[in-house]
Amino acid sequence: MTRRAVLDSNVIVSGLGWSGAPARIMEAVLTGDLVLVTSAPLLAELRRVFAYPKLARAIPDRSRLADLVEMLSVVVEPTDTFEVVEDDSDNRVLEAAVTGRVDYIVSGDGHLLTLGSFQGIPVLTPAEFVKTVLAE
């Protein structure tokens, strides 16, 4: 059974530009072992992050990568609005996760990780996700 996950933008950016657990997660998306679920607000956040000048040296063709992420994803339209955590963009992650009926939320963000889970959806770090989910 293919698992579904929402990845925080920090995981996607790290996975496309560096090695380690985030790269392993993006590899699972590319091979079809993981279904990436996102939303228009999360894609807008990803494009905003990719526009950071400090990423220009590390990740060439950033706008094309954002398009690739969109093409590889199931894009949902959240119907519920949550104000659970302090960071508004993190609330958008929760909305996409619930609407997309994902199995996992993967993030390096402390606001989300502190939750542990949200509406029964575990929130894991990239390393935890690779160790417990992709290693199966």
C-alpha atoms as a PDB file:
ATOM      1  CA  MET A   1       0.000   0.000   0.000  1.00  0.00           C
ATOM      2  CA  THR A   2       1.386   3.368  -0.992  1.00  0.00           C
ATOM      3  CA  ARG A   3       1.471   5.853   1.844  1.00  0.00           C
ATOM      4  CA  ARG A   4       0.376   9.470   1.549  1.00  0.00           C
ATOM      5  CA  ALA A   5       2.179  12.368   3.209  1.00  0.00           C
ATOM      6  CA  VAL A   6       2.267  16.124   3.381  1.00  0.00           C
ATOM      7  CA  LEU A   7       5.828  17.417   3.456  1.00  0.00           C
ATOM      8  CA  ASP A   8       6.617  20.787   4.952  1.00  0.00           C
ATOM      9  CA  SER A   9       8.419  23.084   2.482  1.00  0.00           C
ATOM     10  CA  ASN A  10      11.652  22.769   4.471  1.00  0.00           C
ATOM     11  CA  VAL A  11      11.663  19.017   3.822  1.00  0.00           C
ATOM     12  CA  ILE A  12      11.036  19.440   0.095  1.00  0.00           C
ATOM     13  CA  VAL A  13      13.715  22.102  -0.325  1.00  0.00           C
ATOM     14  CA  SER A  14      16.249  20.042   1.639  1.00  0.00           C
ATOM     15  CA  GLY A  15      15.290  16.921  -0.279  1.00  0.00           C
ATOM     16  CA  LEU A  16      15.819  18.527  -3.645  1.00  0.00           C
ATOM     17  CA  GLY A  17      19.024  20.340  -2.804  1.00  0.00           C
ATOM     18  CA  TRP A  18      20.930  18.149  -0.380  1.00  0.00           C
ATOM     19  CA  SER A  19      21.337  14.560   0.726  1.00  0.00           C
ATOM     20  CA  GLY A  20      20.127  12.771   3.839  1.00  0.00           C
ATOM     21  CA  ALA A  21      16.650  11.831   5.027  1.00  0.00           C
ATOM     22  CA  PRO A  22      14.789  14.566   3.059  1.00  0.00           C
ATOM     23  CA  ALA A  23      16.478  13.399  -0.160  1.00  0.00           C
ATOM     24  CA  ARG A  24      15.452   9.810   0.601  1.00  0.00           C
ATOM     25  CA  ILE A  25      11.861  10.987   1.062  1.00  0.00           C
ATOM     26  CA  MET A  26      11.854  12.855  -2.261  1.00  0.00           C
ATOM     27  CA  GLU A  27      13.339   9.752  -3.893  1.00  0.00           C
ATOM     28  CA  ALA A  28      10.352   7.773  -2.562  1.00  0.00           C
ATOM     29  CA  VAL A  29       8.035  10.332  -4.183  1.00  0.00           C
ATOM     30  CA  LEU A  30       9.868  10.005  -7.509  1.00  0.00           C
ATOM     31  CA  THR A  31       9.721   6.196  -7.437  1.00  0.00           C
ATOM     32  CA  GLY A  32       6.031   6.135  -6.515  1.00  0.00           C
ATOM     33  CA  ASP A  33       6.625   4.626  -3.076  1.00  0.00           C
ATOM     34  CA  LEU A  34       5.143   7.745  -1.472  1.00  0.00           C
ATOM     35  CA  VAL A  35       2.269   9.933  -2.624  1.00  0.00           C
ATOM     36  CA  LEU A  36       2.972  13.589  -1.982  1.00  0.00           C
ATOM     37  CA  VAL A  37      -0.119  15.594  -1.046  1.00  0.00           C
ATOM     38  CA  THR A  38      -0.091  19.380  -1.169  1.00  0.00           C
ATOM     39  CA  SER A  39      -2.364  22.379  -1.701  1.00  0.00           C
ATOM     40  CA  ALA A  40      -2.248  25.707  -3.518  1.00  0.00           C
ATOM     41  CA  PRO A  41      -1.210  27.568  -0.340  1.00  0.00           C
ATOM     42  CA  LEU A  42       1.614  25.076   0.285  1.00  0.00           C
ATOM     43  CA  LEU A  43       2.803  25.347  -3.310  1.00  0.00           C
ATOM     44  CA  ALA A  44       2.792  29.148  -2.994  1.00  0.00           C
ATOM     45  CA  GLU A  45       4.876  28.818   0.190  1.00  0.00           C
ATOM     46  CA  LEU A  46       7.295  26.490  -1.608  1.00  0.00           C
ATOM     47  CA  ARG A  47       7.699  28.970  -4.468  1.00  0.00           C
ATOM     48  CA  ARG A  48       8.286  31.763  -1.947  1.00  0.00           C
ATOM     49  CA  VAL A  49      10.981  29.729  -0.200  1.00  0.00           C
ATOM     50  CA  PHE A  50      12.592  28.788  -3.516  1.00  0.00           C
ATOM     51  CA  ALA A  51      12.824  32.515  -4.314  1.00  0.00           C
ATOM     52  CA  TYR A  52      15.198  33.126  -1.397  1.00  0.00           C
ATOM     53  CA  PRO A  53      18.489  34.455  -2.794  1.00  0.00           C
ATOM     54  CA  LYS A  54      20.524  32.146  -0.544  1.00  0.00           C
ATOM     55  CA  LEU A  55      19.067  29.144  -2.383  1.00  0.00           C
ATOM     56  CA  ALA A  56      20.145  30.477  -5.787  1.00  0.00           C
ATOM     57  CA  ARG A  57      23.674  29.131  -5.365  1.00  0.00           C
ATOM     58  CA  ALA A  58      22.608  25.811  -3.861  1.00  0.00           C
ATOM     59  CA  ILE A  59      19.640  24.928  -6.064  1.00  0.00           C
ATOM     60  CA  PRO A  60      19.633  25.972  -9.728  1.00  0.00           C
ATOM     61  CA  ASP A  61      16.336  26.063 -11.663  1.00  0.00           C
ATOM     62  CA  ARG A  62      14.325  26.483  -8.485  1.00  0.00           C
ATOM     63  CA  SER A  63      11.135  27.583 -10.251  1.00  0.00           C
ATOM     64  CA  ARG A  64      11.231  24.479 -12.436  1.00  0.00           C
ATOM     65  CA  LEU A  65      11.632  22.348  -9.327  1.00  0.00           C
ATOM     66  CA  ALA A  66       8.498  23.904  -7.823  1.00  0.00           C
ATOM     67  CA  ASP A  67       6.628  23.005 -11.018  1.00  0.00           C
ATOM     68  CA  LEU A  68       7.976  19.459 -10.781  1.00  0.00           C
ATOM     69  CA  VAL A  69       6.810  19.147  -7.181  1.00  0.00           C
ATOM     70  CA  GLU A  70       3.346  20.290  -8.249  1.00  0.00           C
ATOM     71  CA  MET A  71       3.255  17.753 -11.096  1.00  0.00           C
ATOM     72  CA  LEU A  72       4.322  14.944  -8.755  1.00  0.00           C
ATOM     73  CA  SER A  73       1.720  15.810  -6.128  1.00  0.00           C
ATOM     74  CA  VAL A  74      -1.927  15.256  -5.458  1.00  0.00           C
ATOM     75  CA  VAL A  75      -3.145  18.839  -5.029  1.00  0.00           C
ATOM     76  CA  VAL A  76      -6.088  19.146  -2.647  1.00  0.00           C
ATOM     77  CA  GLU A  77      -8.362  22.087  -1.874  1.00  0.00           C
ATOM     78  CA  PRO A  78      -8.758  22.267   1.901  1.00  0.00           C
ATOM     79  CA  THR A  79     -12.275  22.951   3.082  1.00  0.00           C
ATOM     80  CA  ASP A  80     -11.455  23.328   6.775  1.00  0.00           C
ATOM     81  CA  THR A  81      -9.409  26.138   8.274  1.00  0.00           C
ATOM     82  CA  PHE A  82      -7.253  25.471  11.325  1.00  0.00           C
ATOM     83  CA  GLU A  83      -5.572  27.909  13.694  1.00  0.00           C
ATOM     84  CA  VAL A  84      -3.778  25.344  15.833  1.00  0.00           C
ATOM     85  CA  VAL A  85      -0.168  26.523  15.794  1.00  0.00           C
ATOM     86  CA  GLU A  86       1.443  29.949  15.883  1.00  0.00           C
ATOM     87  CA  ASP A  87       2.880  29.884  12.348  1.00  0.00           C
ATOM     88  CA  ASP A  88       0.128  30.393   9.781  1.00  0.00           C
ATOM     89  CA  SER A  89       1.935  28.384   7.083  1.00  0.00           C
ATOM     90  CA  ASP A  90       2.077  25.420   9.458  1.00  0.00           C
ATOM     91  CA  ASN A  91      -1.703  25.574   9.788  1.00  0.00           C
ATOM     92  CA  ARG A  92      -1.904  25.221   6.000  1.00  0.00           C
ATOM     93  CA  VAL A  93       0.108  21.988   6.316  1.00  0.00           C
ATOM     94  CA  LEU A  94      -2.489  20.651   8.762  1.00  0.00           C
ATOM     95  CA  GLU A  95      -5.344  21.651   6.459  1.00  0.00           C
ATOM     96  CA  ALA A  96      -3.795  19.851   3.474  1.00  0.00           C
ATOM     97  CA  ALA A  97      -3.089  16.788   5.608  1.00  0.00           C
ATOM     98  CA  VAL A  98      -6.663  16.462   6.834  1.00  0.00           C
ATOM     99  CA  THR A  99      -8.231  17.183   3.432  1.00  0.00           C
ATOM    100  CA  GLY A 100      -5.808  14.853   1.669  1.00  0.00           C
ATOM    101  CA  ARG A 101      -6.394  12.075   4.205  1.00  0.00           C
ATOM    102  CA  VAL A 102      -2.680  11.520   4.527  1.00  0.00           C
ATOM    103  CA  ASP A 103      -0.967   8.928   6.644  1.00  0.00           C
ATOM    104  CA  TYR A 104       1.842  11.251   7.792  1.00  0.00           C
ATOM    105  CA  ILE A 105       2.952  14.844   8.136  1.00  0.00           C
ATOM    106  CA  VAL A 106       6.723  15.211   7.714  1.00  0.00           C
ATOM    107  CA  SER A 107       8.346  18.378   8.997  1.00  0.00           C
ATOM    108  CA  GLY A 108      11.411  19.792  10.653  1.00  0.00           C
ATOM    109  CA  ASP A 109       9.363  22.610  12.155  1.00  0.00           C
ATOM    110  CA  GLY A 110       9.110  22.692  15.932  1.00  0.00           C
ATOM    111  CA  HIS A 111       5.551  24.045  15.935  1.00  0.00           C
ATOM    112  CA  LEU A 112       4.295  20.983  14.077  1.00  0.00           C
ATOM    113  CA  LEU A 113       6.580  18.461  15.752  1.00  0.00           C
ATOM    114  CA  THR A 114       5.384  19.588  19.192  1.00  0.00           C
ATOM    115  CA  LEU A 115       1.897  18.405  18.252  1.00  0.00           C
ATOM    116  CA  GLY A 116       3.098  14.813  17.900  1.00  0.00           C
ATOM    117  CA  SER A 117       0.009  14.104  15.830  1.00  0.00           C
ATOM    118  CA  PHE A 118      -2.993  15.993  14.501  1.00  0.00           C
ATOM    119  CA  GLN A 119      -6.410  14.396  14.155  1.00  0.00           C
ATOM    120  CA  GLY A 120      -4.740  11.004  14.268  1.00  0.00           C
ATOM    121  CA  ILE A 121      -2.048  11.864  11.699  1.00  0.00           C
ATOM    122  CA  PRO A 122       1.478  11.393  13.094  1.00  0.00           C
ATOM    123  CA  VAL A 123       3.879  14.326  12.699  1.00  0.00           C
ATOM    124  CA  LEU A 124       7.399  13.008  12.138  1.00  0.00           C
ATOM    125  CA  THR A 125      10.814  14.455  11.431  1.00  0.00           C
ATOM    126  CA  PRO A 126      12.356  13.393   8.117  1.00  0.00           C
ATOM    127  CA  ALA A 127      14.753  11.075   9.963  1.00  0.00           C
ATOM    128  CA  GLU A 128      11.916   9.452  11.925  1.00  0.00           C
ATOM    129  CA  PHE A 129       9.886   9.017   8.740  1.00  0.00           C
ATOM    130  CA  VAL A 130      12.756   7.323   6.894  1.00  0.00           C
ATOM    131  CA  LYS A 131      13.596   5.099   9.862  1.00  0.00           C
ATOM    132  CA  THR A 132      10.043   4.009  10.702  1.00  0.00           C
ATOM    133  CA  VAL A 133       8.097   4.243   7.444  1.00  0.00           C
ATOM    134  CA  LEU A 134      10.426   3.964   4.466  1.00  0.00           C
ATOM    135  CA  ALA A 135      12.529   1.274   6.135  1.00  0.00           C
ATOM    136  CA  GLU A 136       9.529  -1.087   6.248  1.00  0.00           C
END
